[in-house]
Amino acid sequence: MTTPARLKGQEIYVFIVIDDKLEDRLGPFLDLDVTLRKEVPEAEYLGETTTAFDSVFKGCQLALKGHMRGAHWLKLIDQDVRRARNMTGGLLRIDLNASIVFPGGKIVNWTFRDLQCGDHKITIADRKSYVEHTLDAYCSEQPNLPKI
């Protein structure tokens, strides 16, 4: 009996696109957490015998964690902080494209557009450990998914 192939985390890469131009390819990542946030408000009306539910899409939240392999992350952090401070040299837009290689070789690109970065965290543990970076990001729109 053969074991079915599974998707592995080390096969996820992220492409950073700045101002409609590919800036860097980062990966493989240790972690990529994607949360498509939804709120399910409920309402009860006078005379109704049941609760009514609705749903509201609240955007996406992403958390990336990986080993720092180049200084491009420092440039990205600098430009993002400049954007937050309304200074010249800040980013206009950041897109994130996660290429996921599924078993059998099928590649699916999941694109998140116009990210707003949250905290940038760089962890320098000790001389034996890799320098790690963590990026929290948010976007308002549902991610683009090509036909599968």
C-alpha atoms as a PDB file:
ATOM      1  CA  MET A   1       0.000   0.000   0.000  1.00  0.00           C
ATOM      2  CA  THR A   2       1.411   3.404  -0.978  1.00  0.00           C
ATOM      3  CA  THR A   3       1.157   6.477   1.171  1.00  0.00           C
ATOM      4  CA  PRO A   4      -0.675   9.350  -0.528  1.00  0.00           C
ATOM      5  CA  ALA A   5       1.423  12.433  -1.310  1.00  0.00           C
ATOM      6  CA  ARG A   6       0.890  15.413   0.964  1.00  0.00           C
ATOM      7  CA  LEU A   7       1.537  19.135   0.719  1.00  0.00           C
ATOM      8  CA  LYS A   8       4.660  20.158   2.622  1.00  0.00           C
ATOM      9  CA  GLY A   9       5.316  23.552   4.143  1.00  0.00           C
ATOM     10  CA  GLN A  10       8.789  23.850   2.669  1.00  0.00           C
ATOM     11  CA  GLU A  11       7.239  24.022  -0.796  1.00  0.00           C
ATOM     12  CA  ILE A  12       5.604  27.410  -0.179  1.00  0.00           C
ATOM     13  CA  TYR A  13       7.353  30.477  -1.555  1.00  0.00           C
ATOM     14  CA  VAL A  14       6.312  34.100  -1.487  1.00  0.00           C
ATOM     15  CA  PHE A  15       6.951  36.649  -4.212  1.00  0.00           C
ATOM     16  CA  ILE A  16       7.076  40.270  -3.068  1.00  0.00           C
ATOM     17  CA  VAL A  17       5.776  42.632  -5.758  1.00  0.00           C
ATOM     18  CA  ILE A  18       6.399  46.328  -5.197  1.00  0.00           C
ATOM     19  CA  ASP A  19       4.926  48.938  -7.552  1.00  0.00           C
ATOM     20  CA  ASP A  20       3.896  46.235 -10.069  1.00  0.00           C
ATOM     21  CA  LYS A  21       7.497  44.967 -10.292  1.00  0.00           C
ATOM     22  CA  LEU A  22       8.864  41.711  -8.888  1.00  0.00           C
ATOM     23  CA  GLU A  23      11.226  42.737  -6.098  1.00  0.00           C
ATOM     24  CA  ASP A  24      12.228  39.468  -4.491  1.00  0.00           C
ATOM     25  CA  ARG A  25      11.417  35.785  -4.076  1.00  0.00           C
ATOM     26  CA  LEU A  26      11.471  34.722  -0.457  1.00  0.00           C
ATOM     27  CA  GLY A  27      11.301  31.233   0.921  1.00  0.00           C
ATOM     28  CA  PRO A  28      10.954  28.488   1.621  1.00  0.00           C
ATOM     29  CA  PHE A  29       9.033  29.606   4.664  1.00  0.00           C
ATOM     30  CA  LEU A  30       8.829  27.922   8.030  1.00  0.00           C
ATOM     31  CA  ASP A  31       5.246  29.079   8.521  1.00  0.00           C
ATOM     32  CA  LEU A  32       2.562  30.782   6.473  1.00  0.00           C
ATOM     33  CA  ASP A  33      -0.709  31.305   8.316  1.00  0.00           C
ATOM     34  CA  VAL A  34      -3.635  32.676   6.339  1.00  0.00           C
ATOM     35  CA  THR A  35      -6.893  33.638   8.018  1.00  0.00           C
ATOM     36  CA  LEU A  36      -9.830  34.702   5.883  1.00  0.00           C
ATOM     37  CA  ARG A  37     -11.713  36.622   8.550  1.00  0.00           C
ATOM     38  CA  LYS A  38     -15.504  36.545   8.718  1.00  0.00           C
ATOM     39  CA  GLU A  39     -17.987  37.877  11.200  1.00  0.00           C
ATOM     40  CA  VAL A  40     -21.336  36.188  11.692  1.00  0.00           C
ATOM     41  CA  PRO A  41     -23.654  38.745  13.279  1.00  0.00           C
ATOM     42  CA  GLU A  42     -27.005  37.598  14.564  1.00  0.00           C
ATOM     43  CA  ALA A  43     -30.256  39.485  14.922  1.00  0.00           C
ATOM     44  CA  GLU A  44     -33.493  38.796  16.693  1.00  0.00           C
ATOM     45  CA  TYR A  45     -36.630  40.602  15.683  1.00  0.00           C
ATOM     46  CA  LEU A  46     -39.811  41.104  17.672  1.00  0.00           C
ATOM     47  CA  GLY A  47     -42.328  38.459  16.662  1.00  0.00           C
ATOM     48  CA  GLU A  48     -39.749  36.129  15.080  1.00  0.00           C
ATOM     49  CA  THR A  49     -39.319  32.648  16.509  1.00  0.00           C
ATOM     50  CA  THR A  50     -35.697  32.141  15.452  1.00  0.00           C
ATOM     51  CA  THR A  51     -32.436  34.043  15.291  1.00  0.00           C
ATOM     52  CA  ALA A  52     -31.390  35.395  11.881  1.00  0.00           C
ATOM     53  CA  PHE A  53     -27.721  35.077  10.878  1.00  0.00           C
ATOM     54  CA  ASP A  54     -25.688  36.994   8.340  1.00  0.00           C
ATOM     55  CA  SER A  55     -22.023  36.958   7.325  1.00  0.00           C
ATOM     56  CA  VAL A  56     -19.582  39.759   6.647  1.00  0.00           C
ATOM     57  CA  PHE A  57     -16.137  39.295   5.090  1.00  0.00           C
ATOM     58  CA  LYS A  58     -13.567  41.118   7.252  1.00  0.00           C
ATOM     59  CA  GLY A  59     -10.478  40.762   5.042  1.00  0.00           C
ATOM     60  CA  CYS A  60      -7.418  38.539   5.310  1.00  0.00           C
ATOM     61  CA  GLN A  61      -4.754  38.246   7.948  1.00  0.00           C
ATOM     62  CA  LEU A  62      -1.375  36.681   7.103  1.00  0.00           C
ATOM     63  CA  ALA A  63       1.579  35.721   9.250  1.00  0.00           C
ATOM     64  CA  LEU A  64       4.874  34.736   7.631  1.00  0.00           C
ATOM     65  CA  LYS A  65       7.892  33.335   9.393  1.00  0.00           C
ATOM     66  CA  GLY A  66      11.165  32.326   7.761  1.00  0.00           C
ATOM     67  CA  HIS A  67      14.936  32.441   7.817  1.00  0.00           C
ATOM     68  CA  MET A  68      16.434  35.735   6.696  1.00  0.00           C
ATOM     69  CA  ARG A  69      18.500  34.908   3.610  1.00  0.00           C
ATOM     70  CA  GLY A  70      19.243  38.403   2.325  1.00  0.00           C
ATOM     71  CA  ALA A  71      19.035  42.121   3.005  1.00  0.00           C
ATOM     72  CA  HIS A  72      15.907  42.556   0.863  1.00  0.00           C
ATOM     73  CA  TRP A  73      13.789  42.157   3.996  1.00  0.00           C
ATOM     74  CA  LEU A  74      15.523  45.152   5.580  1.00  0.00           C
ATOM     75  CA  LYS A  75      14.741  47.234   2.490  1.00  0.00           C
ATOM     76  CA  LEU A  76      11.102  46.115   2.592  1.00  0.00           C
ATOM     77  CA  ILE A  77      10.851  46.998   6.296  1.00  0.00           C
ATOM     78  CA  ASP A  78      12.441  50.408   5.718  1.00  0.00           C
ATOM     79  CA  GLN A  79      10.075  51.244   2.849  1.00  0.00           C
ATOM     80  CA  ASP A  80       7.044  50.040   4.796  1.00  0.00           C
ATOM     81  CA  VAL A  81       7.946  52.180   7.822  1.00  0.00           C
ATOM     82  CA  ARG A  82       8.462  55.169   5.498  1.00  0.00           C
ATOM     83  CA  ARG A  83       4.976  54.571   4.042  1.00  0.00           C
ATOM     84  CA  ALA A  84       3.471  54.464   7.551  1.00  0.00           C
ATOM     85  CA  ARG A  85       5.207  57.754   8.376  1.00  0.00           C
ATOM     86  CA  ASN A  86       4.127  59.389   5.058  1.00  0.00           C
ATOM     87  CA  MET A  87       7.759  59.938   4.074  1.00  0.00           C
ATOM     88  CA  THR A  88       9.284  59.904   0.598  1.00  0.00           C
ATOM     89  CA  GLY A  89      10.668  56.562  -0.522  1.00  0.00           C
ATOM     90  CA  GLY A  90       7.795  54.611   0.993  1.00  0.00           C
ATOM     91  CA  LEU A  91       6.030  51.758  -0.732  1.00  0.00           C
ATOM     92  CA  LEU A  92       2.962  52.382  -2.820  1.00  0.00           C
ATOM     93  CA  ARG A  93       1.700  48.794  -2.794  1.00  0.00           C
ATOM     94  CA  ILE A  94       2.758  45.338  -1.663  1.00  0.00           C
ATOM     95  CA  ASP A  95       1.278  42.209  -3.229  1.00  0.00           C
ATOM     96  CA  LEU A  96       1.964  38.728  -1.957  1.00  0.00           C
ATOM     97  CA  ASN A  97       1.780  35.682  -4.205  1.00  0.00           C
ATOM     98  CA  ALA A  98       2.086  32.279  -2.569  1.00  0.00           C
ATOM     99  CA  SER A  99       2.925  29.544  -5.064  1.00  0.00           C
ATOM    100  CA  ILE A 100       1.758  26.263  -3.624  1.00  0.00           C
ATOM    101  CA  VAL A 101       2.980  23.035  -5.213  1.00  0.00           C
ATOM    102  CA  PHE A 102       0.395  20.308  -4.701  1.00  0.00           C
ATOM    103  CA  PRO A 103       1.065  16.573  -5.004  1.00  0.00           C
ATOM    104  CA  GLY A 104       1.314  15.549  -8.628  1.00  0.00           C
ATOM    105  CA  GLY A 105       3.091  18.793  -9.557  1.00  0.00           C
ATOM    106  CA  LYS A 106       0.021  21.060  -9.770  1.00  0.00           C
ATOM    107  CA  ILE A 107       1.001  24.644  -8.924  1.00  0.00           C
ATOM    108  CA  VAL A 108      -1.601  27.063  -7.598  1.00  0.00           C
ATOM    109  CA  ASN A 109      -0.796  30.761  -7.161  1.00  0.00           C
ATOM    110  CA  TRP A 110      -2.777  32.437  -4.384  1.00  0.00           C
ATOM    111  CA  THR A 111      -2.465  36.224  -4.659  1.00  0.00           C
ATOM    112  CA  PHE A 112      -3.166  38.747  -1.901  1.00  0.00           C
ATOM    113  CA  ARG A 113      -3.237  42.340  -3.179  1.00  0.00           C
ATOM    114  CA  ASP A 114      -2.459  45.656  -1.507  1.00  0.00           C
ATOM    115  CA  LEU A 115      -1.196  44.389   1.829  1.00  0.00           C
ATOM    116  CA  GLN A 116      -0.850  46.572   4.865  1.00  0.00           C
ATOM    117  CA  CYS A 117       1.990  45.328   7.023  1.00  0.00           C
ATOM    118  CA  GLY A 118       1.673  45.039  10.750  1.00  0.00           C
ATOM    119  CA  ASP A 119       4.623  44.373  13.011  1.00  0.00           C
ATOM    120  CA  HIS A 120       8.011  43.446  11.578  1.00  0.00           C
ATOM    121  CA  LYS A 121       9.909  41.178  13.934  1.00  0.00           C
ATOM    122  CA  ILE A 122      13.513  40.009  13.505  1.00  0.00           C
ATOM    123  CA  THR A 123      14.773  37.373  15.945  1.00  0.00           C
ATOM    124  CA  ILE A 124      18.508  36.943  16.460  1.00  0.00           C
ATOM    125  CA  ALA A 125      18.733  34.128  19.000  1.00  0.00           C
ATOM    126  CA  ASP A 126      22.364  33.024  19.263  1.00  0.00           C
ATOM    127  CA  ARG A 127      25.412  32.245  17.139  1.00  0.00           C
ATOM    128  CA  LYS A 128      24.174  28.747  16.266  1.00  0.00           C
ATOM    129  CA  SER A 129      20.667  29.783  15.171  1.00  0.00           C
ATOM    130  CA  TYR A 130      19.388  31.282  11.937  1.00  0.00           C
ATOM    131  CA  VAL A 131      18.151  34.865  11.983  1.00  0.00           C
ATOM    132  CA  GLU A 132      14.357  34.668  11.633  1.00  0.00           C
ATOM    133  CA  HIS A 133      11.932  37.260  10.374  1.00  0.00           C
ATOM    134  CA  THR A 134       8.220  37.455  11.011  1.00  0.00           C
ATOM    135  CA  LEU A 135       5.775  39.588   9.049  1.00  0.00           C
ATOM    136  CA  ASP A 136       2.148  40.209   9.936  1.00  0.00           C
ATOM    137  CA  ALA A 137       0.060  41.571   7.073  1.00  0.00           C
ATOM    138  CA  TYR A 138      -3.556  42.403   6.328  1.00  0.00           C
ATOM    139  CA  CYS A 139      -5.582  42.967   3.174  1.00  0.00           C
ATOM    140  CA  SER A 140      -9.149  44.023   2.583  1.00  0.00           C
ATOM    141  CA  GLU A 141      -9.947  41.988  -0.501  1.00  0.00           C
ATOM    142  CA  GLN A 142     -10.496  38.277  -0.963  1.00  0.00           C
ATOM    143  CA  PRO A 143      -7.352  36.682  -2.447  1.00  0.00           C
ATOM    144  CA  ASN A 144      -7.266  35.964  -6.169  1.00  0.00           C
ATOM    145  CA  LEU A 145      -7.385  32.274  -7.000  1.00  0.00           C
ATOM    146  CA  PRO A 146      -6.959  31.028 -10.584  1.00  0.00           C
ATOM    147  CA  LYS A 147      -9.189  28.316 -11.966  1.00  0.00           C
ATOM    148  CA  ILE A 148      -8.237  25.035 -10.386  1.00  0.00           C
END
